[in-house]
C-alpha atoms as a PDB file:
ATOM      1  CA  UNK A   1      82.089  99.204 132.113  1.00  0.00           C
ATOM      2  CA  UNK A   2      83.842  96.097 130.781  1.00  0.00           C
ATOM      3  CA  UNK A   3      83.918  96.638 127.091  1.00  0.00           C
ATOM      4  CA  UNK A   4      85.193  93.179 126.319  1.00  0.00           C
ATOM      5  CA  UNK A   5      82.080  91.591 127.694  1.00  0.00           C
ATOM      6  CA  UNK A   6      79.943  94.131 125.904  1.00  0.00           C
ATOM      7  CA  UNK A   7      81.660  93.628 122.510  1.00  0.00           C
ATOM      8  CA  UNK A   8      81.748  89.880 122.906  1.00  0.00           C
ATOM      9  CA  UNK A   9      78.057  89.540 123.863  1.00  0.00           C
ATOM     10  CA  UNK A  10      76.935  91.964 121.123  1.00  0.00           C
ATOM     11  CA  UNK A  11      79.042  90.045 118.552  1.00  0.00           C
ATOM     12  CA  UNK A  12      77.449  86.774 119.640  1.00  0.00           C
ATOM     13  CA  UNK A  13      73.904  88.124 119.488  1.00  0.00           C
ATOM     14  CA  UNK A  14      74.375  89.795 116.214  1.00  0.00           C
ATOM     15  CA  UNK A  15      76.319  86.909 114.804  1.00  0.00           C
ATOM     16  CA  UNK A  16      73.688  84.290 115.685  1.00  0.00           C
ATOM     17  CA  UNK A  17      70.922  86.605 114.354  1.00  0.00           C
ATOM     18  CA  UNK A  18      72.873  87.139 111.105  1.00  0.00           C
ATOM     19  CA  UNK A  19      73.576  83.447 110.629  1.00  0.00           C
ATOM     20  CA  UNK A  20      69.967  82.525 111.324  1.00  0.00           C
ATOM     21  CA  UNK A  21      68.769  85.243 108.800  1.00  0.00           C
ATOM     22  CA  UNK A  22      71.270  84.094 106.209  1.00  0.00           C
ATOM     23  CA  UNK A  23      70.494  80.357 106.262  1.00  0.00           C
ATOM     24  CA  UNK A  24      66.837  80.363 107.406  1.00  0.00           C
ATOM     25  CA  UNK A  25      65.162  83.473 105.974  1.00  0.00           C
ATOM     26  CA  UNK A  26      61.932  81.580 105.302  1.00  0.00           C
ATOM     27  CA  UNK A  27      61.647  80.295 108.941  1.00  0.00           C
ATOM     28  CA  UNK A  28      62.309  83.793 110.165  1.00  0.00           C
ATOM     29  CA  UNK A  29      59.716  85.375 107.873  1.00  0.00           C
ATOM     30  CA  UNK A  30      57.043  82.788 108.882  1.00  0.00           C
ATOM     31  CA  UNK A  31      57.808  83.323 112.595  1.00  0.00           C
ATOM     32  CA  UNK A  32      57.072  86.842 112.030  1.00  0.00           C
ATOM     33  CA  UNK A  33      53.812  86.195 110.145  1.00  0.00           C
ATOM     34  CA  UNK A  34      55.070  87.170 106.721  1.00  0.00           C
ATOM     35  CA  UNK A  35      54.949  85.279 103.451  1.00  0.00           C
ATOM     36  CA  UNK A  36      58.438  84.190 102.267  1.00  0.00           C
ATOM     37  CA  UNK A  37      58.579  85.652  98.712  1.00  0.00           C
ATOM     38  CA  UNK A  38      61.778  85.509  96.659  1.00  0.00           C
ATOM     39  CA  UNK A  39      62.546  89.171  97.014  1.00  0.00           C
ATOM     40  CA  UNK A  40      61.735  89.475 100.720  1.00  0.00           C
ATOM     41  CA  UNK A  41      63.704  86.325 101.377  1.00  0.00           C
ATOM     42  CA  UNK A  42      66.664  87.905  99.631  1.00  0.00           C
ATOM     43  CA  UNK A  43      66.400  91.137 101.660  1.00  0.00           C
ATOM     44  CA  UNK A  44      66.333  89.053 104.945  1.00  0.00           C
ATOM     45  CA  UNK A  45      69.477  87.274 103.820  1.00  0.00           C
ATOM     46  CA  UNK A  46      71.097  90.683 103.017  1.00  0.00           C
ATOM     47  CA  UNK A  47      70.109  91.914 106.489  1.00  0.00           C
ATOM     48  CA  UNK A  48      71.749  88.735 107.827  1.00  0.00           C
ATOM     49  CA  UNK A  49      74.986  89.489 106.003  1.00  0.00           C
ATOM     50  CA  UNK A  50      74.908  92.981 107.567  1.00  0.00           C
ATOM     51  CA  UNK A  51      74.317  91.562 111.070  1.00  0.00           C
ATOM     52  CA  UNK A  52      77.140  89.169 110.541  1.00  0.00           C
ATOM     53  CA  UNK A  53      79.512  91.766 109.402  1.00  0.00           C
ATOM     54  CA  UNK A  54      78.856  93.981 112.342  1.00  0.00           C
ATOM     55  CA  UNK A  55      79.353  90.919 114.550  1.00  0.00           C
ATOM     56  CA  UNK A  56      82.741  90.368 112.927  1.00  0.00           C
ATOM     57  CA  UNK A  57      83.676  93.923 113.605  1.00  0.00           C
ATOM     58  CA  UNK A  58      82.763  93.701 117.228  1.00  0.00           C
ATOM     59  CA  UNK A  59      84.611  90.453 117.627  1.00  0.00           C
ATOM     60  CA  UNK A  60      87.835  91.823 116.130  1.00  0.00           C
ATOM     61  CA  UNK A  61      87.549  95.017 118.293  1.00  0.00           C
ATOM     62  CA  UNK A  62      86.792  93.255 121.599  1.00  0.00           C
ATOM     63  CA  UNK A  63      90.356  93.524 122.783  1.00  0.00           C
ATOM     64  CA  UNK A  64      90.824  97.165 121.914  1.00  0.00           C
ATOM     65  CA  UNK A  65      90.317 100.174 124.096  1.00  0.00           C
ATOM     66  CA  UNK A  66      86.877 101.451 123.351  1.00  0.00           C
ATOM     67  CA  UNK A  67      85.061 104.508 124.556  1.00  0.00           C
ATOM     68  CA  UNK A  68      85.365 108.308 124.101  1.00  0.00           C
ATOM     69  CA  UNK A  69      87.754 108.892 121.261  1.00  0.00           C
ATOM     70  CA  UNK A  70      89.132 105.314 121.336  1.00  0.00           C
ATOM     71  CA  UNK A  71      87.657 103.175 118.588  1.00  0.00           C
ATOM     72  CA  UNK A  72      85.010 105.794 118.114  1.00  0.00           C
ATOM     73  CA  UNK A  73      83.816 104.469 114.622  1.00  0.00           C
ATOM     74  CA  UNK A  74      83.205 100.975 116.186  1.00  0.00           C
ATOM     75  CA  UNK A  75      81.291 102.303 119.208  1.00  0.00           C
ATOM     76  CA  UNK A  76      79.404 104.957 117.160  1.00  0.00           C
ATOM     77  CA  UNK A  77      78.342 102.361 114.472  1.00  0.00           C
ATOM     78  CA  UNK A  78      77.022 100.047 117.242  1.00  0.00           C
ATOM     79  CA  UNK A  79      75.153 102.900 118.954  1.00  0.00           C
ATOM     80  CA  UNK A  80      73.526 104.049 115.686  1.00  0.00           C
ATOM     81  CA  UNK A  81      72.529 100.423 114.874  1.00  0.00           C
ATOM     82  CA  UNK A  82      71.026  99.726 118.265  1.00  0.00           C
ATOM     83  CA  UNK A  83      69.361 103.026 118.651  1.00  0.00           C
ATOM     84  CA  UNK A  84      67.728 103.104 115.293  1.00  0.00           C
ATOM     85  CA  UNK A  85      66.850  99.480 115.705  1.00  0.00           C
ATOM     86  CA  UNK A  86      65.257 100.078 119.008  1.00  0.00           C
ATOM     87  CA  UNK A  87      63.207 103.023 117.615  1.00  0.00           C
ATOM     88  CA  UNK A  88      61.935 100.979 114.671  1.00  0.00           C
ATOM     89  CA  UNK A  89      61.014  98.096 116.973  1.00  0.00           C
ATOM     90  CA  UNK A  90      59.331 100.438 119.296  1.00  0.00           C
ATOM     91  CA  UNK A  91      57.265 102.073 116.640  1.00  0.00           C
ATOM     92  CA  UNK A  92      56.180  98.731 115.266  1.00  0.00           C
ATOM     93  CA  UNK A  93      55.241  97.359 118.714  1.00  0.00           C
ATOM     94  CA  UNK A  94      53.085 100.466 119.525  1.00  0.00           C
ATOM     95  CA  UNK A  95      51.412 100.401 116.241  1.00  0.00           C
ATOM     96  CA  UNK A  96      50.353  96.691 116.143  1.00  0.00           C
ATOM     97  CA  UNK A  97      49.462  94.018 118.590  1.00  0.00           C
ATOM     98  CA  UNK A  98      52.247  92.846 120.822  1.00  0.00           C
ATOM     99  CA  UNK A  99      54.609  90.197 119.475  1.00  0.00           C
ATOM    100  CA  UNK A 100      56.632  88.427 122.189  1.00  0.00           C
ATOM    101  CA  UNK A 101      59.690  87.816 120.032  1.00  0.00           C
ATOM    102  CA  UNK A 102      59.763  91.333 118.732  1.00  0.00           C
ATOM    103  CA  UNK A 103      59.267  92.699 122.311  1.00  0.00           C
ATOM    104  CA  UNK A 104      62.299  90.605 123.404  1.00  0.00           C
ATOM    105  CA  UNK A 105      64.293  92.042 120.560  1.00  0.00           C
ATOM    106  CA  UNK A 106      63.228  95.572 121.526  1.00  0.00           C
ATOM    107  CA  UNK A 107      64.479  94.920 125.163  1.00  0.00           C
ATOM    108  CA  UNK A 108      67.858  93.592 123.865  1.00  0.00           C
ATOM    109  CA  UNK A 109      68.135  96.607 121.512  1.00  0.00           C
ATOM    110  CA  UNK A 110      67.362  98.995 124.271  1.00  0.00           C
ATOM    111  CA  UNK A 111      69.993  97.522 126.611  1.00  0.00           C
ATOM    112  CA  UNK A 112      72.695  97.527 123.937  1.00  0.00           C
ATOM    113  CA  UNK A 113      71.678 101.104 122.893  1.00  0.00           C
ATOM    114  CA  UNK A 114      72.138 102.428 126.376  1.00  0.00           C
ATOM    115  CA  UNK A 115      75.500 100.570 126.813  1.00  0.00           C
ATOM    116  CA  UNK A 116      76.796 101.906 123.565  1.00  0.00           C
ATOM    117  CA  UNK A 117      75.518 105.399 124.337  1.00  0.00           C
ATOM    118  CA  UNK A 118      77.645 105.209 127.493  1.00  0.00           C
ATOM    119  CA  UNK A 119      80.707 104.159 125.448  1.00  0.00           C
ATOM    120  CA  UNK A 120      80.206 106.893 122.853  1.00  0.00           C
ATOM    121  CA  UNK A 121      79.268 109.848 124.997  1.00  0.00           C
ATOM    122  CA  UNK A 122      80.120 109.238 128.573  1.00  0.00           C
ATOM    123  CA  UNK A 123      83.214 106.847 128.834  1.00  0.00           C
ATOM    124  CA  UNK A 124      86.734 107.799 128.239  1.00  0.00           C
ATOM    125  CA  UNK A 125      87.801 104.309 127.231  1.00  0.00           C
ATOM    126  CA  UNK A 126      90.671 104.385 129.502  1.00  0.00           C
ATOM    127  CA  UNK A 127      90.460 102.184 132.709  1.00  0.00           C
ATOM    128  CA  UNK A 128      91.108 104.170 135.809  1.00  0.00           C
ATOM    129  CA  UNK A 129      93.514 102.849 138.342  1.00  0.00           C
ATOM    130  CA  UNK A 130      93.174 103.798 141.881  1.00  0.00           C
ATOM    131  CA  UNK A 131      96.439 104.414 143.645  1.00  0.00           C
ATOM    132  CA  UNK A 132      96.757 104.570 147.449  1.00  0.00           C
END
């Protein structure tokens, strides 16, 4: 697995979501069908700060060896985020009527959860070189 592509793409996805939540929380809340109150808007901005921080961590780690014991805190934090996020989105989607934007987020979260699962529990992090 090419970890540079994975870390770069997750950084861009999380970073764009974070910036959007930071600077347009009212738009995000109205798109989800929720009233933009002061407290809820502040919590969405706080979530955006967390997303942006995770994106910065992924961006700075993209050139490192990741997988197995290498950069384990980075891969484990991403796996934890994407797995729990996927489970929360899945629970919400199953308990309410389908929302296309949340279903898209669920699919993206599931893909990243599987990829980071592979890095944490299956990959050694060292590229194998085949010699002949």
